[in-house]
């Protein structure tokens, strides 16, 4: 069941991407308001661990995706290279 896989935090309700190697919500996070965009995390050539979630932001009921990163440098790289369709 999809709801059994959902994770809840104070800010988000999260659904892990099936391609995640790690289903961890790391400290460095980037919310992108594009729920249907295909984001291939491997193409960013990140150094540390990362995970991607379909996300529902609770504060404003906004749907999107949450990319989380173990390293702050990877967060900065993602922000610099991410271009929405």
C-alpha atoms as a PDB file:
ATOM      1  CA  UNK A   1       0.000   0.000   0.000  1.00  0.00           C
ATOM      2  CA  UNK A   2       1.317   3.447  -0.881  1.00  0.00           C
ATOM      3  CA  UNK A   3       0.279   4.986   2.439  1.00  0.00           C
ATOM      4  CA  UNK A   4       2.354   2.414   4.321  1.00  0.00           C
ATOM      5  CA  UNK A   5       5.478   3.872   2.713  1.00  0.00           C
ATOM      6  CA  UNK A   6       4.626   7.494   3.510  1.00  0.00           C
ATOM      7  CA  UNK A   7       6.831   9.428   5.904  1.00  0.00           C
ATOM      8  CA  UNK A   8       5.597  12.423   7.851  1.00  0.00           C
ATOM      9  CA  UNK A   9       7.653  15.298   9.195  1.00  0.00           C
ATOM     10  CA  UNK A  10       6.535  18.560  10.753  1.00  0.00           C
ATOM     11  CA  UNK A  11       6.731  20.241   7.327  1.00  0.00           C
ATOM     12  CA  UNK A  12       5.961  17.512   4.777  1.00  0.00           C
ATOM     13  CA  UNK A  13       4.159  14.293   3.998  1.00  0.00           C
ATOM     14  CA  UNK A  14       6.647  12.366   1.870  1.00  0.00           C
ATOM     15  CA  UNK A  15       6.455   9.420  -0.501  1.00  0.00           C
ATOM     16  CA  UNK A  16       9.848   7.883  -1.424  1.00  0.00           C
ATOM     17  CA  UNK A  17      10.898   7.641  -5.023  1.00  0.00           C
ATOM     18  CA  UNK A  18      11.213   3.940  -5.922  1.00  0.00           C
ATOM     19  CA  UNK A  19      14.657   4.640  -7.440  1.00  0.00           C
ATOM     20  CA  UNK A  20      16.078   5.907  -4.130  1.00  0.00           C
ATOM     21  CA  UNK A  21      19.105   4.064  -2.831  1.00  0.00           C
ATOM     22  CA  UNK A  22      18.494   5.671   0.570  1.00  0.00           C
ATOM     23  CA  UNK A  23      15.073   6.354   2.071  1.00  0.00           C
ATOM     24  CA  UNK A  24      16.427   8.892   4.528  1.00  0.00           C
ATOM     25  CA  UNK A  25      15.374  12.515   4.917  1.00  0.00           C
ATOM     26  CA  UNK A  26      18.769  14.220   5.055  1.00  0.00           C
ATOM     27  CA  UNK A  27      19.427  17.596   6.703  1.00  0.00           C
ATOM     28  CA  UNK A  28      19.925  19.600   3.501  1.00  0.00           C
ATOM     29  CA  UNK A  29      16.658  19.915   1.592  1.00  0.00           C
ATOM     30  CA  UNK A  30      15.317  21.562  -1.549  1.00  0.00           C
ATOM     31  CA  UNK A  31      11.571  21.660  -2.267  1.00  0.00           C
ATOM     32  CA  UNK A  32      10.659  22.088  -5.931  1.00  0.00           C
ATOM     33  CA  UNK A  33       6.992  22.752  -6.787  1.00  0.00           C
ATOM     34  CA  UNK A  34       6.916  20.441  -9.809  1.00  0.00           C
ATOM     35  CA  UNK A  35       5.159  17.224  -8.739  1.00  0.00           C
ATOM     36  CA  UNK A  36       5.171  15.589 -12.185  1.00  0.00           C
ATOM     37  CA  UNK A  37       8.656  16.512 -13.384  1.00  0.00           C
ATOM     38  CA  UNK A  38      11.108  13.663 -13.865  1.00  0.00           C
ATOM     39  CA  UNK A  39      14.228  14.427 -11.829  1.00  0.00           C
ATOM     40  CA  UNK A  40      17.162  12.109 -12.515  1.00  0.00           C
ATOM     41  CA  UNK A  41      19.352  12.609  -9.481  1.00  0.00           C
ATOM     42  CA  UNK A  42      22.200  10.561 -11.003  1.00  0.00           C
ATOM     43  CA  UNK A  43      22.676  13.223 -13.689  1.00  0.00           C
ATOM     44  CA  UNK A  44      23.791  15.762 -11.058  1.00  0.00           C
ATOM     45  CA  UNK A  45      26.884  13.668 -10.172  1.00  0.00           C
ATOM     46  CA  UNK A  46      26.537  14.264  -6.443  1.00  0.00           C
ATOM     47  CA  UNK A  47      29.302  13.288  -4.025  1.00  0.00           C
ATOM     48  CA  UNK A  48      27.281  12.254  -0.971  1.00  0.00           C
ATOM     49  CA  UNK A  49      24.099  10.351  -0.307  1.00  0.00           C
ATOM     50  CA  UNK A  50      20.774  11.796  -1.416  1.00  0.00           C
ATOM     51  CA  UNK A  51      17.106  10.902  -1.700  1.00  0.00           C
ATOM     52  CA  UNK A  52      14.092  12.187  -3.607  1.00  0.00           C
ATOM     53  CA  UNK A  53      10.496  12.209  -2.414  1.00  0.00           C
ATOM     54  CA  UNK A  54       7.119  13.167  -3.804  1.00  0.00           C
ATOM     55  CA  UNK A  55       6.088  15.782  -1.269  1.00  0.00           C
ATOM     56  CA  UNK A  56       3.034  17.489   0.107  1.00  0.00           C
ATOM     57  CA  UNK A  57       4.060  20.685   1.924  1.00  0.00           C
ATOM     58  CA  UNK A  58       1.691  20.982   4.877  1.00  0.00           C
ATOM     59  CA  UNK A  59       1.947  24.726   5.555  1.00  0.00           C
ATOM     60  CA  UNK A  60       0.478  25.747   2.175  1.00  0.00           C
ATOM     61  CA  UNK A  61      -0.880  22.447   0.758  1.00  0.00           C
ATOM     62  CA  UNK A  62       1.580  22.652  -2.122  1.00  0.00           C
ATOM     63  CA  UNK A  63       2.514  19.497  -4.035  1.00  0.00           C
ATOM     64  CA  UNK A  64       6.005  18.987  -5.384  1.00  0.00           C
ATOM     65  CA  UNK A  65       9.190  17.032  -4.807  1.00  0.00           C
ATOM     66  CA  UNK A  66      11.706  17.196  -2.002  1.00  0.00           C
ATOM     67  CA  UNK A  67      15.346  16.459  -2.762  1.00  0.00           C
ATOM     68  CA  UNK A  68      17.402  15.815   0.368  1.00  0.00           C
ATOM     69  CA  UNK A  69      21.177  15.687   0.611  1.00  0.00           C
ATOM     70  CA  UNK A  70      23.743  14.518   3.128  1.00  0.00           C
ATOM     71  CA  UNK A  71      26.239  17.208   2.026  1.00  0.00           C
ATOM     72  CA  UNK A  72      25.610  20.951   1.791  1.00  0.00           C
ATOM     73  CA  UNK A  73      27.803  21.093  -1.338  1.00  0.00           C
ATOM     74  CA  UNK A  74      25.425  18.700  -3.106  1.00  0.00           C
ATOM     75  CA  UNK A  75      22.464  20.879  -2.126  1.00  0.00           C
ATOM     76  CA  UNK A  76      24.203  23.915  -3.654  1.00  0.00           C
ATOM     77  CA  UNK A  77      25.056  21.951  -6.815  1.00  0.00           C
ATOM     78  CA  UNK A  78      21.439  20.800  -7.198  1.00  0.00           C
ATOM     79  CA  UNK A  79      20.111  24.351  -6.747  1.00  0.00           C
ATOM     80  CA  UNK A  80      22.575  25.678  -9.314  1.00  0.00           C
ATOM     81  CA  UNK A  81      21.862  23.028 -11.949  1.00  0.00           C
ATOM     82  CA  UNK A  82      18.128  22.401 -11.479  1.00  0.00           C
ATOM     83  CA  UNK A  83      16.086  23.793 -14.368  1.00  0.00           C
ATOM     84  CA  UNK A  84      12.333  23.078 -14.432  1.00  0.00           C
ATOM     85  CA  UNK A  85      10.789  21.804 -17.666  1.00  0.00           C
END
